[in-house]
């Protein structure tokens, strides 16, 4: 499942300030960590989202924070709330209703 579908707030990375050293360092870390992770197959059956993104997600959150910067505008609020709702739906469908469990 797409990481952007599961966490729409990651679209805020597009507004990150890539002129800052921490943003460039985060982007570099994401690329070096994601490359072997994205080449790995066999992700399992009952999972919500791509579990290998947990390896580089902290660096993505730094870029999201850079995209929000000083003030959280309406777009950021909508994307964050949408991310929470999508993940809540995943928890309810997998855990609460027992869907996709054996």
PDB file of N, CA and C in Angstrom:
ATOM      1  N   UNK A   1       0.842  -1.168   0.000  1.00  0.00           N
ATOM      2  CA  UNK A   1       0.000   0.000   0.000  1.00  0.00           C
ATOM      3  C   UNK A   1       0.895   1.241   0.000  1.00  0.00           C
ATOM      4  N   UNK A   2       0.533   2.216  -0.753  1.00  0.00           N
ATOM      5  CA  UNK A   2       1.341   3.411  -0.925  1.00  0.00           C
ATOM      6  C   UNK A   2       1.505   4.189   0.375  1.00  0.00           C
ATOM      7  N   UNK A   3       2.717   4.651   0.611  1.00  0.00           N
ATOM      8  CA  UNK A   3       2.975   5.458   1.806  1.00  0.00           C
ATOM      9  C   UNK A   3       2.227   6.793   1.733  1.00  0.00           C
ATOM     10  N   UNK A   4       2.052   7.317   0.529  1.00  0.00           N
ATOM     11  CA  UNK A   4       1.318   8.583   0.385  1.00  0.00           C
ATOM     12  C   UNK A   4      -0.180   8.388   0.559  1.00  0.00           C
ATOM     13  N   UNK A   5      -0.658   7.175   0.307  1.00  0.00           N
ATOM     14  CA  UNK A   5      -2.067   6.865   0.538  1.00  0.00           C
ATOM     15  C   UNK A   5      -2.340   6.683   2.029  1.00  0.00           C
ATOM     16  N   UNK A   6      -1.415   6.074   2.728  1.00  0.00           N
ATOM     17  CA  UNK A   6      -1.563   5.817   4.154  1.00  0.00           C
ATOM     18  C   UNK A   6      -1.342   7.081   4.975  1.00  0.00           C
ATOM     19  N   UNK A   7      -0.379   7.909   4.580  1.00  0.00           N
ATOM     20  CA  UNK A   7      -0.055   9.124   5.324  1.00  0.00           C
ATOM     21  C   UNK A   7       0.003  10.309   4.363  1.00  0.00           C
ATOM     22  N   UNK A   8      -1.153  10.887   4.040  1.00  0.00           N
ATOM     23  CA  UNK A   8      -1.170  12.024   3.117  1.00  0.00           C
ATOM     24  C   UNK A   8      -0.377  13.229   3.612  1.00  0.00           C
ATOM     25  N   UNK A   9      -0.099  13.310   4.904  1.00  0.00           N
ATOM     26  CA  UNK A   9       0.694  14.430   5.430  1.00  0.00           C
ATOM     27  C   UNK A   9       2.099  14.450   4.830  1.00  0.00           C
ATOM     28  N   UNK A  10       2.548  13.328   4.275  1.00  0.00           N
ATOM     29  CA  UNK A  10       3.871  13.311   3.652  1.00  0.00           C
ATOM     30  C   UNK A  10       3.925  14.168   2.389  1.00  0.00           C
ATOM     31  N   UNK A  11       2.791  14.589   1.867  1.00  0.00           N
ATOM     32  CA  UNK A  11       2.796  15.531   0.742  1.00  0.00           C
ATOM     33  C   UNK A  11       3.388  16.874   1.163  1.00  0.00           C
ATOM     34  N   UNK A  12       3.411  17.150   2.457  1.00  0.00           N
ATOM     35  CA  UNK A  12       4.009  18.393   2.946  1.00  0.00           C
ATOM     36  C   UNK A  12       5.519  18.416   2.739  1.00  0.00           C
ATOM     37  N   UNK A  13       6.110  17.281   2.443  1.00  0.00           N
ATOM     38  CA  UNK A  13       7.541  17.228   2.126  1.00  0.00           C
ATOM     39  C   UNK A  13       7.843  18.068   0.894  1.00  0.00           C
ATOM     40  N   UNK A  14       6.876  18.178   0.001  1.00  0.00           N
ATOM     41  CA  UNK A  14       7.085  18.973  -1.215  1.00  0.00           C
ATOM     42  C   UNK A  14       7.301  20.448  -0.901  1.00  0.00           C
ATOM     43  N   UNK A  15       6.859  20.892   0.288  1.00  0.00           N
ATOM     44  CA  UNK A  15       7.036  22.290   0.680  1.00  0.00           C
ATOM     45  C   UNK A  15       8.231  22.486   1.605  1.00  0.00           C
ATOM     46  N   UNK A  16       9.039  21.442   1.791  1.00  0.00           N
ATOM     47  CA  UNK A  16      10.194  21.536   2.692  1.00  0.00           C
ATOM     48  C   UNK A  16      11.198  22.547   2.156  1.00  0.00           C
ATOM     49  N   UNK A  17      11.953  23.115   3.070  1.00  0.00           N
ATOM     50  CA  UNK A  17      12.997  24.084   2.709  1.00  0.00           C
ATOM     51  C   UNK A  17      14.301  23.325   2.480  1.00  0.00           C
ATOM     52  N   UNK A  18      14.536  22.947   1.234  1.00  0.00           N
ATOM     53  CA  UNK A  18      15.681  22.104   0.912  1.00  0.00           C
ATOM     54  C   UNK A  18      16.995  22.868   0.888  1.00  0.00           C
ATOM     55  N   UNK A  19      16.951  24.174   1.129  1.00  0.00           N
ATOM     56  CA  UNK A  19      18.181  24.955   1.241  1.00  0.00           C
ATOM     57  C   UNK A  19      18.832  24.810   2.601  1.00  0.00           C
ATOM     58  N   UNK A  20      18.100  24.285   3.553  1.00  0.00           N
ATOM     59  CA  UNK A  20      18.648  24.097   4.897  1.00  0.00           C
ATOM     60  C   UNK A  20      19.463  22.813   4.955  1.00  0.00           C
ATOM     61  N   UNK A  21      20.503  22.826   5.771  1.00  0.00           N
ATOM     62  CA  UNK A  21      21.385  21.660   5.856  1.00  0.00           C
ATOM     63  C   UNK A  21      20.667  20.439   6.416  1.00  0.00           C
ATOM     64  N   UNK A  22      19.783  20.651   7.389  1.00  0.00           N
ATOM     65  CA  UNK A  22      19.090  19.501   7.991  1.00  0.00           C
ATOM     66  C   UNK A  22      18.147  18.849   6.987  1.00  0.00           C
ATOM     67  N   UNK A  23      17.542  19.654   6.115  1.00  0.00           N
ATOM     68  CA  UNK A  23      16.656  19.098   5.086  1.00  0.00           C
ATOM     69  C   UNK A  23      17.455  18.295   4.066  1.00  0.00           C
ATOM     70  N   UNK A  24      18.581  18.822   3.663  1.00  0.00           N
ATOM     71  CA  UNK A  24      19.424  18.088   2.711  1.00  0.00           C
ATOM     72  C   UNK A  24      19.980  16.818   3.331  1.00  0.00           C
ATOM     73  N   UNK A  25      20.368  16.882   4.601  1.00  0.00           N
ATOM     74  CA  UNK A  25      20.869  15.688   5.292  1.00  0.00           C
ATOM     75  C   UNK A  25      19.758  14.643   5.427  1.00  0.00           C
ATOM     76  N   UNK A  26      18.539  15.092   5.720  1.00  0.00           N
ATOM     77  CA  UNK A  26      17.409  14.164   5.834  1.00  0.00           C
ATOM     78  C   UNK A  26      17.099  13.516   4.494  1.00  0.00           C
ATOM     79  N   UNK A  27      17.107  14.306   3.449  1.00  0.00           N
ATOM     80  CA  UNK A  27      16.843  13.768   2.117  1.00  0.00           C
ATOM     81  C   UNK A  27      17.913  12.750   1.719  1.00  0.00           C
ATOM     82  N   UNK A  28      19.161  13.040   2.025  1.00  0.00           N
ATOM     83  CA  UNK A  28      20.248  12.103   1.734  1.00  0.00           C
ATOM     84  C   UNK A  28      20.072  10.810   2.523  1.00  0.00           C
ATOM     85  N   UNK A  29      19.730  10.937   3.798  1.00  0.00           N
ATOM     86  CA  UNK A  29      19.519   9.746   4.636  1.00  0.00           C
ATOM     87  C   UNK A  29      18.366   8.907   4.099  1.00  0.00           C
ATOM     88  N   UNK A  30      17.285   9.560   3.682  1.00  0.00           N
ATOM     89  CA  UNK A  30      16.138   8.834   3.124  1.00  0.00           C
ATOM     90  C   UNK A  30      16.553   8.037   1.893  1.00  0.00           C
ATOM     91  N   UNK A  31      17.296   8.670   1.010  1.00  0.00           N
ATOM     92  CA  UNK A  31      17.704   7.990  -0.220  1.00  0.00           C
ATOM     93  C   UNK A  31      18.600   6.786   0.065  1.00  0.00           C
ATOM     94  N   UNK A  32      19.568   6.946   0.966  1.00  0.00           N
ATOM     95  CA  UNK A  32      20.491   5.844   1.257  1.00  0.00           C
ATOM     96  C   UNK A  32      19.824   4.714   2.032  1.00  0.00           C
ATOM     97  N   UNK A  33      18.865   5.046   2.876  1.00  0.00           N
ATOM     98  CA  UNK A  33      18.178   4.008   3.644  1.00  0.00           C
ATOM     99  C   UNK A  33      17.092   3.340   2.800  1.00  0.00           C
ATOM    100  N   UNK A  34      16.398   4.135   1.980  1.00  0.00           N
ATOM    101  CA  UNK A  34      15.269   3.613   1.206  1.00  0.00           C
ATOM    102  C   UNK A  34      15.717   2.706   0.065  1.00  0.00           C
ATOM    103  N   UNK A  35      16.873   2.954  -0.485  1.00  0.00           N
ATOM    104  CA  UNK A  35      17.307   2.170  -1.646  1.00  0.00           C
ATOM    105  C   UNK A  35      17.315   0.666  -1.375  1.00  0.00           C
ATOM    106  N   UNK A  36      17.983   0.173  -0.339  1.00  0.00           N
ATOM    107  CA  UNK A  36      17.911  -1.276  -0.100  1.00  0.00           C
ATOM    108  C   UNK A  36      16.521  -1.733   0.353  1.00  0.00           C
ATOM    109  N   UNK A  37      15.817  -0.871   1.093  1.00  0.00           N
ATOM    110  CA  UNK A  37      14.476  -1.250   1.553  1.00  0.00           C
ATOM    111  C   UNK A  37      13.504  -1.422   0.396  1.00  0.00           C
ATOM    112  N   UNK A  38      13.584  -0.555  -0.592  1.00  0.00           N
ATOM    113  CA  UNK A  38      12.660  -0.629  -1.715  1.00  0.00           C
ATOM    114  C   UNK A  38      12.980  -1.781  -2.659  1.00  0.00           C
ATOM    115  N   UNK A  39      14.165  -2.322  -2.559  1.00  0.00           N
ATOM    116  CA  UNK A  39      14.540  -3.465  -3.389  1.00  0.00           C
ATOM    117  C   UNK A  39      14.190  -4.796  -2.724  1.00  0.00           C
ATOM    118  N   UNK A  40      13.686  -4.722  -1.500  1.00  0.00           N
ATOM    119  CA  UNK A  40      13.347  -5.931  -0.744  1.00  0.00           C
ATOM    120  C   UNK A  40      11.917  -6.357  -1.076  1.00  0.00           C
ATOM    121  N   UNK A  41      11.722  -7.630  -1.285  1.00  0.00           N
ATOM    122  CA  UNK A  41      10.386  -8.148  -1.581  1.00  0.00           C
ATOM    123  C   UNK A  41       9.836  -8.959  -0.429  1.00  0.00           C
ATOM    124  N   UNK A  42       8.644  -9.473  -0.593  1.00  0.00           N
ATOM    125  CA  UNK A  42       8.030 -10.319   0.423  1.00  0.00           C
ATOM    126  C   UNK A  42       7.654  -9.568   1.678  1.00  0.00           C
ATOM    127  N   UNK A  43       6.689  -8.704   1.574  1.00  0.00           N
ATOM    128  CA  UNK A  43       6.346  -7.825   2.685  1.00  0.00           C
ATOM    129  C   UNK A  43       5.340  -8.405   3.654  1.00  0.00           C
ATOM    130  N   UNK A  44       4.830  -9.557   3.400  1.00  0.00           N
ATOM    131  CA  UNK A  44       3.835 -10.123   4.299  1.00  0.00           C
ATOM    132  C   UNK A  44       2.429  -9.851   3.792  1.00  0.00           C
ATOM    133  N   UNK A  45       1.462 -10.409   4.504  1.00  0.00           N
ATOM    134  CA  UNK A  45       0.087 -10.308   4.033  1.00  0.00           C
ATOM    135  C   UNK A  45      -0.723  -9.301   4.836  1.00  0.00           C
ATOM    136  N   UNK A  46      -0.779  -9.469   6.141  1.00  0.00           N
ATOM    137  CA  UNK A  46      -1.641  -8.618   6.952  1.00  0.00           C
ATOM    138  C   UNK A  46      -0.858  -7.450   7.529  1.00  0.00           C
ATOM    139  N   UNK A  47      -0.728  -6.426   6.734  1.00  0.00           N
ATOM    140  CA  UNK A  47      -0.096  -5.198   7.200  1.00  0.00           C
ATOM    141  C   UNK A  47      -0.764  -4.025   6.516  1.00  0.00           C
ATOM    142  N   UNK A  48      -0.662  -2.911   7.153  1.00  0.00           N
ATOM    143  CA  UNK A  48      -1.280  -1.705   6.639  1.00  0.00           C
ATOM    144  C   UNK A  48      -0.176  -0.720   6.327  1.00  0.00           C
ATOM    145  N   UNK A  49       0.057  -0.494   5.067  1.00  0.00           N
ATOM    146  CA  UNK A  49       1.159   0.366   4.653  1.00  0.00           C
ATOM    147  C   UNK A  49       2.416  -0.451   4.408  1.00  0.00           C
ATOM    148  N   UNK A  50       3.443   0.216   4.000  1.00  0.00           N
ATOM    149  CA  UNK A  50       4.704  -0.439   3.666  1.00  0.00           C
ATOM    150  C   UNK A  50       5.610  -0.382   4.886  1.00  0.00           C
ATOM    151  N   UNK A  51       5.804  -1.510   5.547  1.00  0.00           N
ATOM    152  CA  UNK A  51       6.477  -1.527   6.845  1.00  0.00           C
ATOM    153  C   UNK A  51       7.934  -1.115   6.783  1.00  0.00           C
ATOM    154  N   UNK A  52       8.553  -1.223   5.639  1.00  0.00           N
ATOM    155  CA  UNK A  52       9.968  -0.873   5.530  1.00  0.00           C
ATOM    156  C   UNK A  52      10.188   0.642   5.558  1.00  0.00           C
ATOM    157  N   UNK A  53       9.126   1.421   5.440  1.00  0.00           N
ATOM    158  CA  UNK A  53       9.284   2.875   5.540  1.00  0.00           C
ATOM    159  C   UNK A  53       9.613   3.303   6.961  1.00  0.00           C
ATOM    160  N   UNK A  54       9.387   2.435   7.933  1.00  0.00           N
ATOM    161  CA  UNK A  54       9.724   2.777   9.314  1.00  0.00           C
ATOM    162  C   UNK A  54      11.214   3.041   9.480  1.00  0.00           C
ATOM    163  N   UNK A  55      12.027   2.494   8.598  1.00  0.00           N
ATOM    164  CA  UNK A  55      13.473   2.702   8.679  1.00  0.00           C
ATOM    165  C   UNK A  55      13.854   4.151   8.387  1.00  0.00           C
ATOM    166  N   UNK A  56      13.162   4.784   7.452  1.00  0.00           N
ATOM    167  CA  UNK A  56      13.522   6.158   7.095  1.00  0.00           C
ATOM    168  C   UNK A  56      12.431   7.186   7.406  1.00  0.00           C
ATOM    169  N   UNK A  57      11.372   6.754   8.071  1.00  0.00           N
ATOM    170  CA  UNK A  57      10.277   7.671   8.399  1.00  0.00           C
ATOM    171  C   UNK A  57      10.683   8.826   9.325  1.00  0.00           C
ATOM    172  N   UNK A  58      11.585   8.630  10.303  1.00  0.00           N
ATOM    173  CA  UNK A  58      11.980   9.787  11.117  1.00  0.00           C
ATOM    174  C   UNK A  58      12.559  10.934  10.281  1.00  0.00           C
ATOM    175  N   UNK A  59      13.285  10.594   9.238  1.00  0.00           N
ATOM    176  CA  UNK A  59      13.851  11.623   8.379  1.00  0.00           C
ATOM    177  C   UNK A  59      12.771  12.278   7.514  1.00  0.00           C
ATOM    178  N   UNK A  60      11.754  11.500   7.163  1.00  0.00           N
ATOM    179  CA  UNK A  60      10.625  12.075   6.432  1.00  0.00           C
ATOM    180  C   UNK A  60       9.855  13.045   7.320  1.00  0.00           C
ATOM    181  N   UNK A  61       9.739  12.726   8.601  1.00  0.00           N
ATOM    182  CA  UNK A  61       9.040  13.622   9.526  1.00  0.00           C
ATOM    183  C   UNK A  61       9.788  14.936   9.702  1.00  0.00           C
ATOM    184  N   UNK A  62      11.118  14.901   9.630  1.00  0.00           N
ATOM    185  CA  UNK A  62      11.889  16.147   9.665  1.00  0.00           C
ATOM    186  C   UNK A  62      11.539  17.012   8.469  1.00  0.00           C
ATOM    187  N   UNK A  63      11.399  16.388   7.296  1.00  0.00           N
ATOM    188  CA  UNK A  63      11.037  17.143   6.094  1.00  0.00           C
ATOM    189  C   UNK A  63       9.600  17.656   6.160  1.00  0.00           C
ATOM    190  N   UNK A  64       8.704  16.877   6.759  1.00  0.00           N
ATOM    191  CA  UNK A  64       7.325  17.352   6.951  1.00  0.00           C
ATOM    192  C   UNK A  64       7.323  18.574   7.857  1.00  0.00           C
ATOM    193  N   UNK A  65       8.087  18.506   8.934  1.00  0.00           N
ATOM    194  CA  UNK A  65       8.181  19.652   9.849  1.00  0.00           C
ATOM    195  C   UNK A  65       8.758  20.868   9.135  1.00  0.00           C
ATOM    196  N   UNK A  66       9.695  20.651   8.252  1.00  0.00           N
ATOM    197  CA  UNK A  66      10.246  21.750   7.466  1.00  0.00           C
ATOM    198  C   UNK A  66       9.210  22.308   6.507  1.00  0.00           C
ATOM    199  N   UNK A  67       8.332  21.439   5.997  1.00  0.00           N
ATOM    200  CA  UNK A  67       7.270  21.898   5.095  1.00  0.00           C
ATOM    201  C   UNK A  67       6.190  22.690   5.812  1.00  0.00           C
ATOM    202  N   UNK A  68       5.982  22.384   7.077  1.00  0.00           N
ATOM    203  CA  UNK A  68       5.013  23.150   7.869  1.00  0.00           C
ATOM    204  C   UNK A  68       5.639  24.462   8.318  1.00  0.00           C
ATOM    205  N   UNK A  69       6.893  24.420   8.699  1.00  0.00           N
ATOM    206  CA  UNK A  69       7.743  25.529   9.109  1.00  0.00           C
ATOM    207  C   UNK A  69       7.182  26.290  10.304  1.00  0.00           C
ATOM    208  N   UNK A  70       6.741  27.519  10.141  1.00  0.00           N
ATOM    209  CA  UNK A  70       6.370  28.354  11.288  1.00  0.00           C
ATOM    210  C   UNK A  70       4.906  28.236  11.690  1.00  0.00           C
ATOM    211  N   UNK A  71       4.038  28.030  10.722  1.00  0.00           N
ATOM    212  CA  UNK A  71       2.610  28.020  11.021  1.00  0.00           C
ATOM    213  C   UNK A  71       1.935  26.877  10.273  1.00  0.00           C
ATOM    214  N   UNK A  72       1.023  26.216  10.974  1.00  0.00           N
ATOM    215  CA  UNK A  72       0.275  25.130  10.347  1.00  0.00           C
ATOM    216  C   UNK A  72      -0.937  25.742   9.641  1.00  0.00           C
ATOM    217  N   UNK A  73      -0.936  25.717   8.309  1.00  0.00           N
ATOM    218  CA  UNK A  73      -2.044  26.288   7.551  1.00  0.00           C
ATOM    219  C   UNK A  73      -3.158  25.258   7.370  1.00  0.00           C
ATOM    220  N   UNK A  74      -4.192  25.632   6.680  1.00  0.00           N
ATOM    221  CA  UNK A  74      -5.370  24.777   6.520  1.00  0.00           C
ATOM    222  C   UNK A  74      -5.036  23.501   5.734  1.00  0.00           C
ATOM    223  N   UNK A  75      -4.165  23.603   4.736  1.00  0.00           N
ATOM    224  CA  UNK A  75      -3.779  22.418   3.963  1.00  0.00           C
ATOM    225  C   UNK A  75      -3.071  21.407   4.852  1.00  0.00           C
ATOM    226  N   UNK A  76      -2.152  21.871   5.681  1.00  0.00           N
ATOM    227  CA  UNK A  76      -1.436  20.972   6.593  1.00  0.00           C
ATOM    228  C   UNK A  76      -2.407  20.325   7.570  1.00  0.00           C
ATOM    229  N   UNK A  77      -3.341  21.082   8.099  1.00  0.00           N
ATOM    230  CA  UNK A  77      -4.328  20.521   9.030  1.00  0.00           C
ATOM    231  C   UNK A  77      -5.172  19.449   8.362  1.00  0.00           C
ATOM    232  N   UNK A  78      -5.602  19.715   7.136  1.00  0.00           N
ATOM    233  CA  UNK A  78      -6.418  18.738   6.405  1.00  0.00           C
ATOM    234  C   UNK A  78      -5.631  17.452   6.150  1.00  0.00           C
ATOM    235  N   UNK A  79      -4.369  17.580   5.721  1.00  0.00           N
ATOM    236  CA  UNK A  79      -3.558  16.404   5.428  1.00  0.00           C
ATOM    237  C   UNK A  79      -3.251  15.600   6.693  1.00  0.00           C
ATOM    238  N   UNK A  80      -3.022  16.286   7.803  1.00  0.00           N
ATOM    239  CA  UNK A  80      -2.745  15.592   9.060  1.00  0.00           C
ATOM    240  C   UNK A  80      -3.996  14.865   9.553  1.00  0.00           C
ATOM    241  N   UNK A  81      -5.141  15.532   9.511  1.00  0.00           N
ATOM    242  CA  UNK A  81      -6.396  14.904   9.936  1.00  0.00           C
ATOM    243  C   UNK A  81      -6.739  13.726   9.022  1.00  0.00           C
ATOM    244  N   UNK A  82      -6.538  13.887   7.727  1.00  0.00           N
ATOM    245  CA  UNK A  82      -6.783  12.794   6.789  1.00  0.00           C
ATOM    246  C   UNK A  82      -5.870  11.606   7.074  1.00  0.00           C
ATOM    247  N   UNK A  83      -4.615  11.877   7.419  1.00  0.00           N
ATOM    248  CA  UNK A  83      -3.680  10.803   7.774  1.00  0.00           C
ATOM    249  C   UNK A  83      -4.155  10.047   9.003  1.00  0.00           C
ATOM    250  N   UNK A  84      -4.624  10.776  10.002  1.00  0.00           N
ATOM    251  CA  UNK A  84      -5.130  10.137  11.215  1.00  0.00           C
ATOM    252  C   UNK A  84      -6.349   9.272  10.902  1.00  0.00           C
ATOM    253  N   UNK A  85      -7.259   9.788  10.088  1.00  0.00           N
ATOM    254  CA  UNK A  85      -8.473   9.040   9.755  1.00  0.00           C
ATOM    255  C   UNK A  85      -8.170   7.773   8.947  1.00  0.00           C
ATOM    256  N   UNK A  86      -7.245   7.872   8.005  1.00  0.00           N
ATOM    257  CA  UNK A  86      -6.885   6.703   7.200  1.00  0.00           C
ATOM    258  C   UNK A  86      -6.267   5.629   8.083  1.00  0.00           C
ATOM    259  N   UNK A  87      -5.380   6.016   8.985  1.00  0.00           N
ATOM    260  CA  UNK A  87      -4.755   5.036   9.872  1.00  0.00           C
ATOM    261  C   UNK A  87      -5.738   4.477  10.880  1.00  0.00           C
ATOM    262  N   UNK A  88      -6.674   5.285  11.332  1.00  0.00           N
ATOM    263  CA  UNK A  88      -7.727   4.795  12.223  1.00  0.00           C
ATOM    264  C   UNK A  88      -8.578   3.755  11.500  1.00  0.00           C
ATOM    265  N   UNK A  89      -8.908   4.031  10.259  1.00  0.00           N
ATOM    266  CA  UNK A  89      -9.660   3.075   9.446  1.00  0.00           C
ATOM    267  C   UNK A  89      -8.882   1.757   9.329  1.00  0.00           C
ATOM    268  N   UNK A  90      -7.567   1.829   9.113  1.00  0.00           N
ATOM    269  CA  UNK A  90      -6.756   0.620   9.014  1.00  0.00           C
ATOM    270  C   UNK A  90      -6.760  -0.182  10.300  1.00  0.00           C
ATOM    271  N   UNK A  91      -6.648   0.495  11.423  1.00  0.00           N
ATOM    272  CA  UNK A  91      -6.664  -0.201  12.713  1.00  0.00           C
ATOM    273  C   UNK A  91      -8.014  -0.870  12.940  1.00  0.00           C
ATOM    274  N   UNK A  92      -9.101  -0.172  12.631  1.00  0.00           N
ATOM    275  CA  UNK A  92     -10.437  -0.731  12.830  1.00  0.00           C
ATOM    276  C   UNK A  92     -10.662  -1.926  11.911  1.00  0.00           C
ATOM    277  N   UNK A  93     -10.272  -1.811  10.667  1.00  0.00           N
ATOM    278  CA  UNK A  93     -10.503  -2.899   9.711  1.00  0.00           C
ATOM    279  C   UNK A  93      -9.681  -4.139  10.037  1.00  0.00           C
ATOM    280  N   UNK A  94      -8.437  -3.959  10.411  1.00  0.00           N
ATOM    281  CA  UNK A  94      -7.567  -5.107  10.647  1.00  0.00           C
ATOM    282  C   UNK A  94      -7.776  -5.681  12.053  1.00  0.00           C
ATOM    283  N   UNK A  95      -7.759  -4.829  13.046  1.00  0.00           N
ATOM    284  CA  UNK A  95      -7.822  -5.314  14.433  1.00  0.00           C
ATOM    285  C   UNK A  95      -9.245  -5.449  14.940  1.00  0.00           C
ATOM    286  N   UNK A  96     -10.012  -4.397  14.790  1.00  0.00           N
ATOM    287  CA  UNK A  96     -11.336  -4.378  15.369  1.00  0.00           C
ATOM    288  C   UNK A  96     -12.335  -5.336  14.752  1.00  0.00           C
ATOM    289  N   UNK A  97     -12.337  -5.412  13.428  1.00  0.00           N
ATOM    290  CA  UNK A  97     -13.280  -6.271  12.738  1.00  0.00           C
ATOM    291  C   UNK A  97     -12.715  -7.639  12.389  1.00  0.00           C
ATOM    292  N   UNK A  98     -11.442  -7.833  12.617  1.00  0.00           N
ATOM    293  CA  UNK A  98     -10.826  -9.129  12.332  1.00  0.00           C
ATOM    294  C   UNK A  98     -10.663  -9.424  10.858  1.00  0.00           C
ATOM    295  N   UNK A  99     -10.708  -8.416  10.026  1.00  0.00           N
ATOM    296  CA  UNK A  99     -10.540  -8.621   8.589  1.00  0.00           C
ATOM    297  C   UNK A  99      -9.056  -8.868   8.301  1.00  0.00           C
ATOM    298  N   UNK A 100      -8.761  -9.786   7.435  1.00  0.00           N
ATOM    299  CA  UNK A 100      -7.424 -10.181   7.003  1.00  0.00           C
ATOM    300  C   UNK A 100      -6.677 -10.932   8.085  1.00  0.00           C
ATOM    301  N   UNK A 101      -7.343 -11.454   9.081  1.00  0.00           N
ATOM    302  CA  UNK A 101      -6.648 -12.265  10.072  1.00  0.00           C
ATOM    303  C   UNK A 101      -7.036 -13.721   9.866  1.00  0.00           C
ATOM    304  N   UNK A 102      -6.191 -14.589  10.286  1.00  0.00           N
ATOM    305  CA  UNK A 102      -6.456 -16.011  10.099  1.00  0.00           C
ATOM    306  C   UNK A 102      -6.776 -16.659  11.414  1.00  0.00           C
TER     307      UNK A 102
END
